[in-house]
Amino acid sequence: MPRSDRFIDLIRILRDGKLHRAADLAKATGVSVRTTWRDMARLQANGVPIEGERGIGYMLRDPVALPPVALSRDEFEALRLGLGLVASGADQTAARAAVSLRAKIAAVAPTILAEAGSDSFVFSSAEAARAAPHLGLIRRAIREHLTLALAYRDEAGEDSQRRVRPLQLEFWGKVWTLLAWCELRGDFRIFRVDMIQGLTPDGGAFLPEPGRTVEDYLARQARP
């Protein structure tokens, strides 16, 4: 891999704001740890706001804009199909964003998009349609670490009021689910978004805490 491409990959990895060991960075970029040390020193010397050193690890404190990315025709095709899928979905916030992004791409690559034609995606799931009004707020709450007041009716028809820390949204082809930390139960819970009867910000916020993150949930699921 050319060194310039390796630098871009390193910055992409570090943009999550977490501490990364040199050994892990080396494995991800296919080079030796010694080469990674040199790469990090070179990036730091060129003004990239990377903190850390050998034996400790590295992290990126401030946002860094990456150079424009050149996409192949196949990559454009994958991007076009994905945008078409989102633009045809019931989540109007995401659909508007997909239409806007497609217009921006068309401004710089009109020939490729024109040659690709168009696609129609049909969402026949009533569950996805019922979930759609809540998705924008949930995504915002996940992004900004906002707590939500949630009125929920489970599959047995039982109603409950919850205060949750939303952690992750997933789409299963028919239904959307929300992984959250439930303050009422003091534990992780998975809610079907189409069964949410009401959802509002309650004015609260939270910071990630040990034992209450997506990673903690996944680790628990992986245990025998």
Protein backbone atom coordinates (compact mmCIF):
# COMPACT_ATOMS: atom_id res chain seq x y z
CA MET A 1 0.00 0.00 0.00
CA PRO A 2 1.41 3.45 -0.92
CA ARG A 3 2.39 5.52 2.08
CA SER A 4 -0.11 8.29 1.21
CA ASP A 5 -2.97 5.74 1.20
CA ARG A 6 -1.69 4.33 4.49
CA PHE A 7 -1.73 7.80 6.04
CA ILE A 8 -5.36 8.26 4.98
CA ASP A 9 -6.29 4.88 6.46
CA LEU A 10 -4.57 5.77 9.73
CA ILE A 11 -6.48 9.04 9.98
CA ARG A 12 -9.75 7.27 9.21
CA ILE A 13 -9.11 4.81 12.03
CA LEU A 14 -8.11 7.53 14.49
CA ARG A 15 -11.11 9.74 13.72
CA ASP A 16 -13.24 7.77 16.22
CA GLY A 17 -11.46 9.66 19.03
CA LYS A 18 -10.40 6.47 20.80
CA LEU A 19 -6.92 5.37 21.88
CA HIS A 20 -5.36 2.90 19.44
CA ARG A 21 -2.25 0.80 20.06
CA ALA A 22 0.50 0.89 17.46
CA ALA A 23 0.24 -2.90 17.09
CA ASP A 24 -3.44 -2.63 16.15
CA LEU A 25 -2.76 0.20 13.69
CA ALA A 26 0.04 -1.81 12.15
CA LYS A 27 -2.20 -4.84 11.69
CA ALA A 28 -4.95 -2.72 10.14
CA THR A 29 -2.60 -1.16 7.60
CA GLY A 30 -0.48 -4.25 6.90
CA VAL A 31 2.88 -2.92 8.06
CA SER A 32 5.24 -3.44 10.98
CA VAL A 33 4.88 -1.69 14.31
CA ARG A 34 8.16 0.12 13.64
CA THR A 35 6.76 1.47 10.36
CA THR A 36 3.62 2.61 12.20
CA TRP A 37 5.76 4.50 14.70
CA ARG A 38 7.47 6.28 11.82
CA ASP A 39 4.13 7.01 10.14
CA MET A 40 2.70 8.53 13.29
CA ALA A 41 5.79 10.65 13.82
CA ARG A 42 5.55 11.88 10.22
CA LEU A 43 1.86 12.77 10.61
CA GLN A 44 2.53 14.59 13.87
CA ALA A 45 5.43 16.48 12.31
CA ASN A 46 3.11 17.63 9.52
CA GLY A 47 0.60 19.13 11.92
CA VAL A 48 -1.99 16.36 12.21
CA PRO A 49 -3.41 16.73 15.77
CA ILE A 50 -2.46 13.25 16.96
CA GLU A 51 -1.66 12.68 20.61
CA GLY A 52 0.29 9.74 21.97
CA GLU A 53 3.61 7.97 21.76
CA ARG A 54 5.26 4.56 21.61
CA GLY A 55 4.12 2.18 24.32
CA ILE A 56 0.96 4.16 25.06
CA GLY A 57 -1.00 4.49 21.84
CA TYR A 58 -2.36 7.20 19.60
CA MET A 59 -5.58 9.17 19.30
CA LEU A 60 -6.88 12.07 17.22
CA ARG A 61 -8.22 14.93 19.32
CA ASP A 62 -9.51 17.36 16.65
CA PRO A 63 -11.46 16.76 13.42
CA VAL A 64 -9.38 16.30 10.29
CA ALA A 65 -10.68 16.77 6.74
CA LEU A 66 -9.52 14.01 4.42
CA PRO A 67 -8.71 14.69 0.77
CA PRO A 68 -11.34 13.96 -1.88
CA VAL A 69 -11.85 10.25 -2.57
CA ALA A 70 -11.86 8.92 -6.13
CA LEU A 71 -14.53 6.25 -6.58
CA SER A 72 -14.50 3.47 -9.15
CA ARG A 73 -17.54 2.81 -11.34
CA ASP A 74 -18.48 -0.18 -9.17
CA GLU A 75 -18.20 1.93 -6.04
CA PHE A 76 -20.43 4.58 -7.59
CA GLU A 77 -22.92 1.86 -8.45
CA ALA A 78 -22.98 0.61 -4.85
CA LEU A 79 -23.40 4.17 -3.59
CA ARG A 80 -26.22 4.84 -6.07
CA LEU A 81 -28.11 1.71 -5.04
CA GLY A 82 -27.74 2.55 -1.36
CA LEU A 83 -28.99 6.10 -1.87
CA GLY A 84 -31.93 4.84 -3.89
CA LEU A 85 -32.87 2.44 -1.11
CA VAL A 86 -32.76 5.13 1.56
CA ALA A 87 -34.55 7.70 -0.63
CA SER A 88 -37.45 5.27 -1.10
CA GLY A 89 -37.76 4.49 2.59
CA ALA A 90 -40.38 5.62 5.07
CA ASP A 91 -37.90 7.64 7.15
CA GLN A 92 -38.45 11.06 5.59
CA THR A 93 -35.43 12.70 7.26
CA ALA A 94 -33.07 10.09 5.84
CA ALA A 95 -34.90 10.13 2.49
CA ARG A 96 -34.42 13.88 2.09
CA ALA A 97 -30.75 13.53 3.00
CA ALA A 98 -30.32 10.77 0.39
CA VAL A 99 -31.95 12.89 -2.34
CA SER A 100 -29.74 15.85 -1.41
CA LEU A 101 -26.60 13.71 -1.43
CA ARG A 102 -27.50 12.21 -4.79
CA ALA A 103 -27.81 15.73 -6.23
CA LYS A 104 -24.37 16.65 -4.91
CA ILE A 105 -22.84 13.52 -6.41
CA ALA A 106 -24.59 14.18 -9.71
CA ALA A 107 -22.96 17.61 -9.82
CA VAL A 108 -19.49 16.06 -9.92
CA ALA A 109 -20.24 12.76 -11.68
CA PRO A 110 -23.33 13.33 -13.85
CA THR A 111 -22.31 10.91 -16.60
CA ILE A 112 -21.84 7.90 -14.34
CA LEU A 113 -25.15 8.45 -12.55
CA ALA A 114 -27.01 9.06 -15.79
CA GLU A 115 -25.63 5.88 -17.35
CA ALA A 116 -26.61 3.88 -14.27
CA GLY A 117 -30.32 4.49 -14.76
CA SER A 118 -32.78 4.40 -11.89
CA ASP A 119 -34.14 1.86 -9.46
CA SER A 120 -37.39 1.47 -7.57
CA PHE A 121 -37.44 0.07 -4.05
CA VAL A 122 -40.71 -0.88 -2.41
CA PHE A 123 -41.09 -1.07 1.35
CA SER A 124 -44.08 -3.31 2.01
CA SER A 125 -43.46 -3.69 5.73
CA ALA A 126 -46.15 -2.07 7.82
CA GLU A 127 -43.80 -2.33 10.80
CA ALA A 128 -41.15 -0.20 9.06
CA ALA A 129 -43.78 2.41 8.17
CA ARG A 130 -44.95 2.63 11.80
CA ALA A 131 -41.35 2.97 12.98
CA ALA A 132 -40.47 5.74 10.52
CA PRO A 133 -41.78 8.74 12.52
CA HIS A 134 -39.49 7.87 15.43
CA LEU A 135 -36.25 7.19 13.55
CA GLY A 136 -35.06 10.78 13.12
CA LEU A 137 -35.41 11.57 16.83
CA ILE A 138 -33.75 8.31 17.85
CA ARG A 139 -30.77 8.92 15.57
CA ARG A 140 -30.38 12.44 16.96
CA ALA A 141 -30.60 11.15 20.54
CA ILE A 142 -27.95 8.50 19.85
CA ARG A 143 -25.70 11.08 18.23
CA GLU A 144 -26.11 13.73 20.95
CA HIS A 145 -26.43 11.34 23.93
CA LEU A 146 -29.94 12.49 24.88
CA THR A 147 -32.24 10.50 27.15
CA LEU A 148 -35.75 9.79 25.91
CA ALA A 149 -39.14 9.25 27.53
CA LEU A 150 -40.63 6.21 25.85
CA ALA A 151 -44.18 4.84 25.97
CA TYR A 152 -44.06 1.21 24.90
CA ARG A 153 -46.53 -1.58 24.21
CA ASP A 154 -44.95 -5.03 24.10
CA GLU A 155 -46.05 -8.04 22.07
CA ALA A 156 -48.32 -9.17 24.91
CA GLY A 157 -50.14 -5.83 24.78
CA GLU A 158 -48.69 -4.58 28.08
CA ASP A 159 -48.03 -0.83 28.28
CA SER A 160 -45.10 0.71 30.13
CA GLN A 161 -43.36 4.05 30.51
CA ARG A 162 -39.59 4.04 30.24
CA ARG A 163 -36.67 6.45 30.43
CA VAL A 164 -33.92 5.19 28.16
CA ARG A 165 -30.44 5.94 26.92
CA PRO A 166 -30.63 5.12 23.18
CA LEU A 167 -27.52 3.31 22.00
CA GLN A 168 -28.01 1.67 18.59
CA LEU A 169 -30.60 1.33 15.81
CA GLU A 170 -30.78 -1.77 13.63
CA PHE A 171 -32.99 -2.69 10.68
CA TRP A 172 -33.81 -6.37 10.18
CA GLY A 173 -35.47 -6.17 6.75
CA LYS A 174 -38.93 -5.88 8.29
CA VAL A 175 -38.64 -4.24 11.70
CA TRP A 176 -36.42 -1.60 13.30
CA THR A 177 -35.08 -2.29 16.78
CA LEU A 178 -33.54 0.05 19.33
CA LEU A 179 -30.88 -1.11 21.76
CA ALA A 180 -31.07 1.09 24.84
CA TRP A 181 -30.12 1.23 28.48
CA CYS A 182 -33.41 1.23 30.38
CA GLU A 183 -33.33 3.31 33.55
CA LEU A 184 -36.46 1.55 34.85
CA ARG A 185 -34.95 -1.95 34.61
CA GLY A 186 -31.34 -0.90 35.19
CA ASP A 187 -30.27 -3.04 32.26
CA PHE A 188 -30.09 -3.25 28.49
CA ARG A 189 -33.34 -3.64 26.61
CA ILE A 190 -34.20 -4.04 22.94
CA PHE A 191 -37.36 -2.27 21.79
CA ARG A 192 -39.19 -2.74 18.53
CA VAL A 193 -39.51 0.80 17.21
CA ASP A 194 -42.90 0.11 15.60
CA MET A 195 -44.28 -0.73 19.06
CA ILE A 196 -43.27 2.63 20.53
CA GLN A 197 -46.48 4.53 21.31
CA GLY A 198 -44.82 7.82 22.19
CA LEU A 199 -41.28 9.20 22.18
CA THR A 200 -40.01 12.57 23.39
CA PRO A 201 -36.76 14.06 24.70
CA ASP A 202 -37.06 14.44 28.46
CA GLY A 203 -34.43 17.16 28.78
CA GLY A 204 -31.75 14.80 30.06
CA ALA A 205 -28.39 13.79 28.64
CA PHE A 206 -25.82 11.13 29.40
CA LEU A 207 -22.19 10.24 28.89
CA PRO A 208 -21.02 6.72 28.01
CA GLU A 209 -20.42 4.78 31.22
CA PRO A 210 -18.62 1.47 31.72
CA GLY A 211 -21.16 -1.33 31.67
CA ARG A 212 -23.76 0.70 29.76
CA THR A 213 -22.37 0.91 26.23
CA VAL A 214 -23.01 -0.99 23.01
CA GLU A 215 -19.64 -2.67 23.44
CA ASP A 216 -20.64 -3.86 26.90
CA TYR A 217 -23.87 -5.32 25.54
CA LEU A 218 -22.03 -7.13 22.74
CA ALA A 219 -19.45 -8.47 25.17
CA ARG A 220 -22.23 -9.82 27.37
CA GLN A 221 -23.86 -11.55 24.40
CA ALA A 222 -20.55 -13.14 23.43
CA ARG A 223 -20.08 -14.75 26.85
CA PRO A 224 -21.05 -18.45 27.12
